[in-house]
PDB file of N, CA and C in Angstrom:
ATOM      1  N   MET A   1     115.406 109.313 103.663  1.00  0.00           N
ATOM      2  CA  MET A   1     114.186 109.801 104.130  1.00  0.00           C
ATOM      3  C   MET A   1     113.173 108.578 103.903  1.00  0.00           C
ATOM      4  N   LEU A   2     113.196 108.289 105.206  1.00  0.00           N
ATOM      5  CA  LEU A   2     111.597 107.150 104.947  1.00  0.00           C
ATOM      6  C   LEU A   2     110.629 107.467 104.328  1.00  0.00           C
ATOM      7  N   ILE A   3     110.350 109.069 104.019  1.00  0.00           N
ATOM      8  CA  ILE A   3     108.877 109.178 103.476  1.00  0.00           C
ATOM      9  C   ILE A   3     109.067 108.312 101.854  1.00  0.00           C
ATOM     10  N   PHE A   4     109.991 108.357 101.267  1.00  0.00           N
ATOM     11  CA  PHE A   4     110.304 107.774  99.422  1.00  0.00           C
ATOM     12  C   PHE A   4     109.650 106.082 100.328  1.00  0.00           C
ATOM     13  N   LEU A   5     109.822 105.701 101.649  1.00  0.00           N
ATOM     14  CA  LEU A   5     109.093 104.458 101.111  1.00  0.00           C
ATOM     15  C   LEU A   5     107.306 104.447 101.037  1.00  0.00           C
ATOM     16  N   PHE A   6     107.265 105.431 101.696  1.00  0.00           N
ATOM     17  CA  PHE A   6     105.809 105.988 101.949  1.00  0.00           C
ATOM     18  C   PHE A   6     104.842 106.279 100.649  1.00  0.00           C
ATOM     19  N   LEU A   7     105.795 106.450  99.359  1.00  0.00           N
ATOM     20  CA  LEU A   7     105.518 107.844  98.912  1.00  0.00           C
ATOM     21  C   LEU A   7     103.999 106.968  97.945  1.00  0.00           C
ATOM     22  N   PRO A   8     104.101 105.566  97.304  1.00  0.00           N
ATOM     23  CA  PRO A   8     102.829 105.391  96.548  1.00  0.00           C
ATOM     24  C   PRO A   8     102.011 105.265  97.933  1.00  0.00           C
ATOM     25  N   ARG A   9     102.260 104.835  98.929  1.00  0.00           N
ATOM     26  CA  ARG A   9     100.848 105.365  99.533  1.00  0.00           C
ATOM     27  C   ARG A   9     100.336 107.015 100.210  1.00  0.00           C
ATOM     28  N   ILE A  10     101.247 107.514  99.851  1.00  0.00           N
ATOM     29  CA  ILE A  10     101.403 109.034 100.129  1.00  0.00           C
ATOM     30  C   ILE A  10      99.813 109.552  99.267  1.00  0.00           C
ATOM     31  N   LYS A  11     100.221 109.225  97.967  1.00  0.00           N
ATOM     32  CA  LYS A  11      99.983 109.589  96.939  1.00  0.00           C
ATOM     33  C   LYS A  11      98.155 108.994  97.104  1.00  0.00           C
ATOM     34  N   GLN A  12      98.109 107.808  97.672  1.00  0.00           N
ATOM     35  CA  GLN A  12      96.636 107.242  97.490  1.00  0.00           C
ATOM     36  C   GLN A  12      96.060 107.972  98.681  1.00  0.00           C
ATOM     37  N   PHE A  13      96.418 108.178  99.315  1.00  0.00           N
ATOM     38  CA  PHE A  13      95.479 109.258 100.195  1.00  0.00           C
ATOM     39  C   PHE A  13      94.786 110.534  99.778  1.00  0.00           C
ATOM     40  N   HIS A  14      95.374 111.114  98.474  1.00  0.00           N
ATOM     41  CA  HIS A  14      94.884 112.075  97.932  1.00  0.00           C
ATOM     42  C   HIS A  14      93.666 111.360  96.647  1.00  0.00           C
ATOM     43  N   ASP A  15      93.948 110.221  95.993  1.00  0.00           N
ATOM     44  CA  ASP A  15      93.102 109.196  95.081  1.00  0.00           C
ATOM     45  C   ASP A  15      91.821 109.305  95.660  1.00  0.00           C
ATOM     46  N   ALA A  16      92.032 107.974  97.022  1.00  0.00           N
ATOM     47  CA  ALA A  16      90.976 107.764  97.544  1.00  0.00           C
ATOM     48  C   ALA A  16      90.350 108.725  98.832  1.00  0.00           C
ATOM     49  N   ASN A  17      91.242 109.376  99.431  1.00  0.00           N
ATOM     50  CA  ASN A  17      90.390 110.473 100.437  1.00  0.00           C
ATOM     51  C   ASN A  17      90.475 111.944 100.143  1.00  0.00           C
ATOM     52  N   ASN A  18      90.746 112.388  99.053  1.00  0.00           N
ATOM     53  CA  ASN A  18      91.102 113.721  98.567  1.00  0.00           C
ATOM     54  C   ASN A  18      92.022 114.174  99.177  1.00  0.00           C
ATOM     55  N   VAL A  19      92.883 113.550 100.513  1.00  0.00           N
ATOM     56  CA  VAL A  19      94.082 114.689 101.308  1.00  0.00           C
ATOM     57  C   VAL A  19      94.726 114.760 100.349  1.00  0.00           C
ATOM     58  N   GLN A  20      95.993 115.677 100.504  1.00  0.00           N
ATOM     59  CA  GLN A  20      97.211 115.940 100.367  1.00  0.00           C
ATOM     60  C   GLN A  20      97.892 116.278 101.591  1.00  0.00           C
ATOM     61  N   VAL A  21      98.995 115.613 101.535  1.00  0.00           N
ATOM     62  CA  VAL A  21      99.967 115.657 102.350  1.00  0.00           C
ATOM     63  C   VAL A  21     101.402 116.327 102.217  1.00  0.00           C
ATOM     64  N   PHE A  22     101.464 117.145 103.254  1.00  0.00           N
ATOM     65  CA  PHE A  22     102.780 117.890 103.167  1.00  0.00           C
ATOM     66  C   PHE A  22     103.681 118.080 104.291  1.00  0.00           C
ATOM     67  N   PHE A  23     104.842 117.504 104.265  1.00  0.00           N
ATOM     68  CA  PHE A  23     106.380 117.197 104.792  1.00  0.00           C
ATOM     69  C   PHE A  23     106.866 118.320 105.139  1.00  0.00           C
ATOM     70  N   PRO A  24     107.218 118.850 106.152  1.00  0.00           N
ATOM     71  CA  PRO A  24     108.256 120.104 106.406  1.00  0.00           C
ATOM     72  C   PRO A  24     109.657 119.736 105.777  1.00  0.00           C
ATOM     73  N   LYS A  25     110.190 120.938 105.280  1.00  0.00           N
ATOM     74  CA  LYS A  25     111.724 120.342 104.769  1.00  0.00           C
ATOM     75  C   LYS A  25     112.433 119.983 105.986  1.00  0.00           C
ATOM     76  N   GLU A  26     113.390 119.057 105.524  1.00  0.00           N
ATOM     77  CA  GLU A  26     114.072 118.181 106.554  1.00  0.00           C
ATOM     78  C   GLU A  26     114.709 119.234 107.297  1.00  0.00           C
ATOM     79  N   SER A  27     115.489 120.071 106.453  1.00  0.00           N
ATOM     80  CA  SER A  27     116.166 120.997 107.489  1.00  0.00           C
ATOM     81  C   SER A  27     115.453 122.168 108.288  1.00  0.00           C
ATOM     82  N   GLU A  28     114.514 121.906 108.649  1.00  0.00           N
ATOM     83  CA  GLU A  28     113.828 122.654 109.350  1.00  0.00           C
ATOM     84  C   GLU A  28     113.439 121.430 110.686  1.00  0.00           C
ATOM     85  N   GLU A  29     113.803 120.509 110.463  1.00  0.00           N
ATOM     86  CA  GLU A  29     113.884 119.395 111.504  1.00  0.00           C
ATOM     87  C   GLU A  29     112.310 119.520 112.739  1.00  0.00           C
ATOM     88  N   SER A  30     111.366 119.888 111.834  1.00  0.00           N
ATOM     89  CA  SER A  30     109.911 119.366 112.347  1.00  0.00           C
ATOM     90  C   SER A  30     108.907 118.376 111.939  1.00  0.00           C
ATOM     91  N   SER A  31     108.487 118.194 113.224  1.00  0.00           N
ATOM     92  CA  SER A  31     107.944 116.861 113.123  1.00  0.00           C
ATOM     93  C   SER A  31     106.566 117.195 112.337  1.00  0.00           C
ATOM     94  N   SER A  32     106.168 118.522 112.427  1.00  0.00           N
ATOM     95  CA  SER A  32     104.629 118.579 112.006  1.00  0.00           C
ATOM     96  C   SER A  32     104.117 118.369 110.610  1.00  0.00           C
ATOM     97  N   VAL A  33     103.054 117.757 110.023  1.00  0.00           N
ATOM     98  CA  VAL A  33     102.631 117.607 108.885  1.00  0.00           C
ATOM     99  C   VAL A  33     101.217 118.239 108.586  1.00  0.00           C
ATOM    100  N   LEU A  34     101.290 118.713 107.178  1.00  0.00           N
ATOM    101  CA  LEU A  34     100.036 119.696 107.401  1.00  0.00           C
ATOM    102  C   LEU A  34      98.931 118.537 106.070  1.00  0.00           C
ATOM    103  N   LEU A  35      97.905 118.242 106.714  1.00  0.00           N
ATOM    104  CA  LEU A  35      97.216 117.601 105.970  1.00  0.00           C
ATOM    105  C   LEU A  35      95.821 118.790 105.026  1.00  0.00           C
ATOM    106  N   VAL A  36      95.499 118.664 104.128  1.00  0.00           N
ATOM    107  CA  VAL A  36      94.510 119.156 103.164  1.00  0.00           C
ATOM    108  C   VAL A  36      94.244 118.325 103.054  1.00  0.00           C
ATOM    109  N   TYR A  37      92.237 118.871 102.871  1.00  0.00           N
ATOM    110  CA  TYR A  37      91.839 117.990 102.570  1.00  0.00           C
ATOM    111  C   TYR A  37      91.266 119.065 100.835  1.00  0.00           C
ATOM    112  N   ASP A  38      91.294 118.319  99.500  1.00  0.00           N
ATOM    113  CA  ASP A  38      91.222 119.023  98.034  1.00  0.00           C
ATOM    114  C   ASP A  38      90.118 119.428  97.662  1.00  0.00           C
ATOM    115  N   PRO A  39      89.335 120.181  98.188  1.00  0.00           N
ATOM    116  CA  PRO A  39      87.908 120.615  97.406  1.00  0.00           C
ATOM    117  C   PRO A  39      87.964 120.823  95.925  1.00  0.00           C
ATOM    118  N   PHE A  40      88.623 121.216  95.454  1.00  0.00           N
ATOM    119  CA  PHE A  40      88.388 121.101  93.866  1.00  0.00           C
ATOM    120  C   PHE A  40      88.582 119.357  93.007  1.00  0.00           C
ATOM    121  N   SER A  41      88.784 118.549  93.922  1.00  0.00           N
ATOM    122  CA  SER A  41      88.749 117.306  93.495  1.00  0.00           C
ATOM    123  C   SER A  41      87.632 116.924  92.894  1.00  0.00           C
ATOM    124  N   LEU A  42      87.852 116.166  91.902  1.00  0.00           N
ATOM    125  CA  LEU A  42      86.014 115.795  91.306  1.00  0.00           C
ATOM    126  C   LEU A  42      85.262 114.594  91.709  1.00  0.00           C
ATOM    127  N   VAL A  43      85.596 113.892  92.874  1.00  0.00           N
ATOM    128  CA  VAL A  43      84.950 113.081  93.731  1.00  0.00           C
ATOM    129  C   VAL A  43      84.726 113.912  95.582  1.00  0.00           C
ATOM    130  N   ALA A  44      85.194 115.330  95.280  1.00  0.00           N
ATOM    131  CA  ALA A  44      85.517 115.571  96.765  1.00  0.00           C
ATOM    132  C   ALA A  44      84.045 115.536  97.700  1.00  0.00           C
ATOM    133  N   SER A  45      84.018 115.650  98.317  1.00  0.00           N
ATOM    134  CA  SER A  45      82.449 115.514  99.093  1.00  0.00           C
ATOM    135  C   SER A  45      82.441 116.858  99.813  1.00  0.00           C
ATOM    136  N   PRO A  46      80.886 117.623  99.639  1.00  0.00           N
ATOM    137  CA  PRO A  46      80.590 119.130 100.624  1.00  0.00           C
ATOM    138  C   PRO A  46      80.235 118.568 101.900  1.00  0.00           C
ATOM    139  N   SER A  47      80.725 117.588 102.185  1.00  0.00           N
ATOM    140  CA  SER A  47      79.918 117.149 103.667  1.00  0.00           C
ATOM    141  C   SER A  47      81.225 117.437 104.869  1.00  0.00           C
ATOM    142  N   PRO A  48      80.771 118.556 105.601  1.00  0.00           N
ATOM    143  CA  PRO A  48      81.863 118.239 106.393  1.00  0.00           C
ATOM    144  C   PRO A  48      81.914 116.944 107.619  1.00  0.00           C
ATOM    145  N   ASP A  49      81.187 116.379 107.709  1.00  0.00           N
ATOM    146  CA  ASP A  49      81.646 115.036 107.933  1.00  0.00           C
ATOM    147  C   ASP A  49      82.531 114.026 107.177  1.00  0.00           C
ATOM    148  N   ASP A  50      81.995 114.047 105.882  1.00  0.00           N
ATOM    149  CA  ASP A  50      83.049 113.554 105.184  1.00  0.00           C
ATOM    150  C   ASP A  50      84.810 113.870 105.186  1.00  0.00           C
ATOM    151  N   LYS A  51      84.567 115.004 105.099  1.00  0.00           N
ATOM    152  CA  LYS A  51      85.496 115.800 104.789  1.00  0.00           C
ATOM    153  C   LYS A  51      86.215 115.461 106.374  1.00  0.00           C
ATOM    154  N   LYS A  52      86.190 115.422 107.701  1.00  0.00           N
ATOM    155  CA  LYS A  52      86.717 114.943 108.856  1.00  0.00           C
ATOM    156  C   LYS A  52      87.326 113.958 108.855  1.00  0.00           C
ATOM    157  N   ARG A  53      86.046 112.635 108.179  1.00  0.00           N
ATOM    158  CA  ARG A  53      86.526 111.475 108.460  1.00  0.00           C
ATOM    159  C   ARG A  53      87.339 111.201 107.611  1.00  0.00           C
ATOM    160  N   ASN A  54      87.446 111.277 106.230  1.00  0.00           N
ATOM    161  CA  ASN A  54      89.098 111.640 105.718  1.00  0.00           C
ATOM    162  C   ASN A  54      90.440 112.136 106.197  1.00  0.00           C
ATOM    163  N   LEU A  55      89.904 112.884 106.461  1.00  0.00           N
ATOM    164  CA  LEU A  55      90.889 113.905 106.994  1.00  0.00           C
ATOM    165  C   LEU A  55      91.707 112.859 108.517  1.00  0.00           C
ATOM    166  N   ASP A  56      90.915 112.166 109.243  1.00  0.00           N
ATOM    167  CA  ASP A  56      90.852 111.423 110.458  1.00  0.00           C
ATOM    168  C   ASP A  56      91.614 110.118 110.173  1.00  0.00           C
ATOM    169  N   GLU A  57      91.365 109.636 108.829  1.00  0.00           N
ATOM    170  CA  GLU A  57      91.474 108.154 108.113  1.00  0.00           C
ATOM    171  C   GLU A  57      92.948 108.379 107.772  1.00  0.00           C
ATOM    172  N   VAL A  58      93.300 109.947 107.179  1.00  0.00           N
ATOM    173  CA  VAL A  58      94.944 109.823 106.938  1.00  0.00           C
ATOM    174  C   VAL A  58      95.938 110.350 108.115  1.00  0.00           C
ATOM    175  N   ALA A  59      95.109 110.716 108.818  1.00  0.00           N
ATOM    176  CA  ALA A  59      95.979 111.030 110.067  1.00  0.00           C
ATOM    177  C   ALA A  59      96.628 109.572 110.839  1.00  0.00           C
ATOM    178  N   GLN A  60      95.507 108.949 111.046  1.00  0.00           N
ATOM    179  CA  GLN A  60      95.724 107.774 112.078  1.00  0.00           C
ATOM    180  C   GLN A  60      96.829 106.997 110.696  1.00  0.00           C
ATOM    181  N   ASP A  61      96.707 106.896 110.015  1.00  0.00           N
ATOM    182  CA  ASP A  61      97.287 106.218 108.937  1.00  0.00           C
ATOM    183  C   ASP A  61      98.849 106.501 108.816  1.00  0.00           C
ATOM    184  N   LEU A  62      99.101 108.058 108.958  1.00  0.00           N
ATOM    185  CA  LEU A  62     100.240 108.820 108.837  1.00  0.00           C
ATOM    186  C   LEU A  62     101.292 108.201 110.479  1.00  0.00           C
ATOM    187  N   LEU A  63     100.202 108.000 111.653  1.00  0.00           N
ATOM    188  CA  LEU A  63     100.488 107.881 112.849  1.00  0.00           C
ATOM    189  C   LEU A  63     101.192 106.212 113.308  1.00  0.00           C
ATOM    190  N   ARG A  64     100.674 106.053 112.037  1.00  0.00           N
ATOM    191  CA  ARG A  64     101.195 104.036 112.451  1.00  0.00           C
ATOM    192  C   ARG A  64     101.827 104.049 111.357  1.00  0.00           C
ATOM    193  N   PHE A  65     102.446 104.880 109.870  1.00  0.00           N
ATOM    194  CA  PHE A  65     103.697 104.308 109.360  1.00  0.00           C
ATOM    195  C   PHE A  65     104.715 104.949 110.431  1.00  0.00           C
ATOM    196  N   ALA A  66     104.381 105.973 110.838  1.00  0.00           N
ATOM    197  CA  ALA A  66     105.482 106.638 111.742  1.00  0.00           C
ATOM    198  C   ALA A  66     106.146 105.776 113.040  1.00  0.00           C
ATOM    199  N   LYS A  67     104.914 104.992 113.529  1.00  0.00           N
ATOM    200  CA  LYS A  67     105.268 103.719 114.424  1.00  0.00           C
ATOM    201  C   LYS A  67     105.879 102.748 114.055  1.00  0.00           C
ATOM    202  N   ASP A  68     105.935 102.446 112.768  1.00  0.00           N
ATOM    203  CA  ASP A  68     106.251 101.055 112.106  1.00  0.00           C
ATOM    204  C   ASP A  68     107.638 101.748 111.812  1.00  0.00           C
ATOM    205  N   ALA A  69     108.090 102.963 111.246  1.00  0.00           N
ATOM    206  CA  ALA A  69     109.391 103.292 111.494  1.00  0.00           C
ATOM    207  C   ALA A  69     110.429 103.653 112.258  1.00  0.00           C
ATOM    208  N   ALA A  70     109.356 104.228 113.379  1.00  0.00           N
ATOM    209  CA  ALA A  70     110.544 103.439 114.968  1.00  0.00           C
ATOM    210  C   ALA A  70     110.728 102.463 115.197  1.00  0.00           C
ATOM    211  N   ASP A  71     110.107 101.199 114.700  1.00  0.00           N
ATOM    212  CA  ASP A  71     109.991 100.159 115.141  1.00  0.00           C
ATOM    213  C   ASP A  71     111.149  98.929 114.346  1.00  0.00           C
ATOM    214  N   VAL A  72     111.763  99.935 113.333  1.00  0.00           N
ATOM    215  CA  VAL A  72     112.925  99.415 112.491  1.00  0.00           C
ATOM    216  C   VAL A  72     114.057  99.247 112.882  1.00  0.00           C
ATOM    217  N   LYS A  73     114.667  98.255 112.857  1.00  0.00           N
ATOM    218  CA  LYS A  73     115.720  97.442 113.508  1.00  0.00           C
ATOM    219  C   LYS A  73     116.474  96.817 112.454  1.00  0.00           C
ATOM    220  N   SER A  74     118.070  97.115 113.093  1.00  0.00           N
ATOM    221  CA  SER A  74     118.869  96.442 111.486  1.00  0.00           C
ATOM    222  C   SER A  74     119.906  95.785 112.511  1.00  0.00           C
ATOM    223  N   GLN A  75     120.227  94.596 111.891  1.00  0.00           N
ATOM    224  CA  GLN A  75     121.573  93.924 113.087  1.00  0.00           C
ATOM    225  C   GLN A  75     122.387  93.388 111.283  1.00  0.00           C
ATOM    226  N   THR A  76     123.888  93.191 111.660  1.00  0.00           N
ATOM    227  CA  THR A  76     124.834  92.881 110.868  1.00  0.00           C
ATOM    228  C   THR A  76     125.589  91.675 110.838  1.00  0.00           C
ATOM    229  N   ILE A  77     125.293  91.045 110.142  1.00  0.00           N
ATOM    230  CA  ILE A  77     125.774  89.831 110.225  1.00  0.00           C
ATOM    231  C   ILE A  77     126.764  89.511 108.897  1.00  0.00           C
ATOM    232  N   VAL A  78     127.667  88.382 108.950  1.00  0.00           N
ATOM    233  CA  VAL A  78     128.362  88.034 108.071  1.00  0.00           C
ATOM    234  C   VAL A  78     128.084  86.781 107.456  1.00  0.00           C
ATOM    235  N   VAL A  79     127.445  86.742 105.967  1.00  0.00           N
ATOM    236  CA  VAL A  79     127.051  85.381 105.642  1.00  0.00           C
ATOM    237  C   VAL A  79     128.555  85.206 104.331  1.00  0.00           C
ATOM    238  N   GLU A  80     128.669  84.690 103.823  1.00  0.00           N
ATOM    239  CA  GLU A  80     129.470  83.809 103.075  1.00  0.00           C
ATOM    240  C   GLU A  80     128.569  84.398 101.715  1.00  0.00           C
ATOM    241  N   LYS A  81     129.544  84.144 100.800  1.00  0.00           N
ATOM    242  CA  LYS A  81     128.843  85.043  99.421  1.00  0.00           C
ATOM    243  C   LYS A  81     127.780  84.269  98.833  1.00  0.00           C
ATOM    244  N   ARG A  82     128.640  82.369  99.123  1.00  0.00           N
ATOM    245  CA  ARG A  82     127.932  81.603  98.714  1.00  0.00           C
ATOM    246  C   ARG A  82     126.114  81.216  99.262  1.00  0.00           C
ATOM    247  N   TRP A  83     126.232  81.763 100.350  1.00  0.00           N
ATOM    248  CA  TRP A  83     124.531  81.669 100.501  1.00  0.00           C
ATOM    249  C   TRP A  83     124.013  82.593 100.339  1.00  0.00           C
ATOM    250  N   HIS A  84     124.134  83.911  99.767  1.00  0.00           N
ATOM    251  CA  HIS A  84     123.377  85.288  99.843  1.00  0.00           C
ATOM    252  C   HIS A  84     122.020  84.795  99.325  1.00  0.00           C
ATOM    253  N   LYS A  85     122.135  84.075  98.314  1.00  0.00           N
ATOM    254  CA  LYS A  85     120.714  82.988  97.169  1.00  0.00           C
ATOM    255  C   LYS A  85     119.680  82.891  98.014  1.00  0.00           C
ATOM    256  N   MET A  86     120.628  82.439  99.586  1.00  0.00           N
ATOM    257  CA  MET A  86     119.351  81.277 100.575  1.00  0.00           C
ATOM    258  C   MET A  86     118.977  82.150 101.770  1.00  0.00           C
ATOM    259  N   ILE A  87     118.952  83.723 101.529  1.00  0.00           N
ATOM    260  CA  ILE A  87     118.665  84.149 102.449  1.00  0.00           C
ATOM    261  C   ILE A  87     117.579  85.182 101.846  1.00  0.00           C
ATOM    262  N   ILE A  88     116.346  84.865 102.720  1.00  0.00           N
ATOM    263  CA  ILE A  88     115.137  85.729 102.350  1.00  0.00           C
ATOM    264  C   ILE A  88     114.658  86.430 103.232  1.00  0.00           C
ATOM    265  N   GLY A  89     114.582  88.178 102.623  1.00  0.00           N
ATOM    266  CA  GLY A  89     113.948  89.065 103.222  1.00  0.00           C
ATOM    267  C   GLY A  89     112.489  89.234 103.246  1.00  0.00           C
ATOM    268  N   GLN A  90     112.219  90.560 103.763  1.00  0.00           N
ATOM    269  CA  GLN A  90     110.633  90.625 103.998  1.00  0.00           C
ATOM    270  C   GLN A  90     110.164  90.438 102.584  1.00  0.00           C
ATOM    271  N   ASN A  91     108.999  90.239 102.455  1.00  0.00           N
ATOM    272  CA  ASN A  91     108.470  90.075 100.945  1.00  0.00           C
ATOM    273  C   ASN A  91     109.134  89.329 100.061  1.00  0.00           C
ATOM    274  N   GLY A  92     109.984  88.340 100.361  1.00  0.00           N
ATOM    275  CA  GLY A  92     110.630  87.461  99.544  1.00  0.00           C
ATOM    276  C   GLY A  92     111.191  88.586  98.575  1.00  0.00           C
ATOM    277  N   THR A  93     112.433  89.137  99.235  1.00  0.00           N
ATOM    278  CA  THR A  93     113.616  89.889  98.997  1.00  0.00           C
ATOM    279  C   THR A  93     115.020  89.140  99.387  1.00  0.00           C
ATOM    280  N   THR A  94     115.849  88.890  98.685  1.00  0.00           N
ATOM    281  CA  THR A  94     117.033  88.527  98.741  1.00  0.00           C
ATOM    282  C   THR A  94     118.464  89.219  98.762  1.00  0.00           C
ATOM    283  N   LEU A  95     119.321  88.766  99.029  1.00  0.00           N
ATOM    284  CA  LEU A  95     120.496  90.339  99.031  1.00  0.00           C
ATOM    285  C   LEU A  95     120.989  90.136  97.813  1.00  0.00           C
ATOM    286  N   LYS A  96     121.639  91.675  98.071  1.00  0.00           N
ATOM    287  CA  LYS A  96     122.156  91.833  96.530  1.00  0.00           C
ATOM    288  C   LYS A  96     123.799  91.621  96.835  1.00  0.00           C
ATOM    289  N   THR A  97     124.412  90.778  95.169  1.00  0.00           N
ATOM    290  CA  THR A  97     125.471  90.165  96.107  1.00  0.00           C
ATOM    291  C   THR A  97     126.429  90.808  94.773  1.00  0.00           C
TER     292      THR A  97
END
């Protein structure tokens, strides 16, 4: 599931915006996501405008994640093992041999 790719960023939502993100169980086949502003955080703002801004920011980030995940394409090509170390992927990753 692609959520695991974004777990560090999802944790940052709470750290930076006081927003917790709750995804439905995969078995529910639902695309609804629950965003909750955490009023008990030490840095929580009492301002309704701040709360709305933080929730909106997290919602926009999640929509970008969904768009990025939808744009993922894969293609399989055959490469001789001796060339594996020469293939460099995203962020400098290499093929596992």
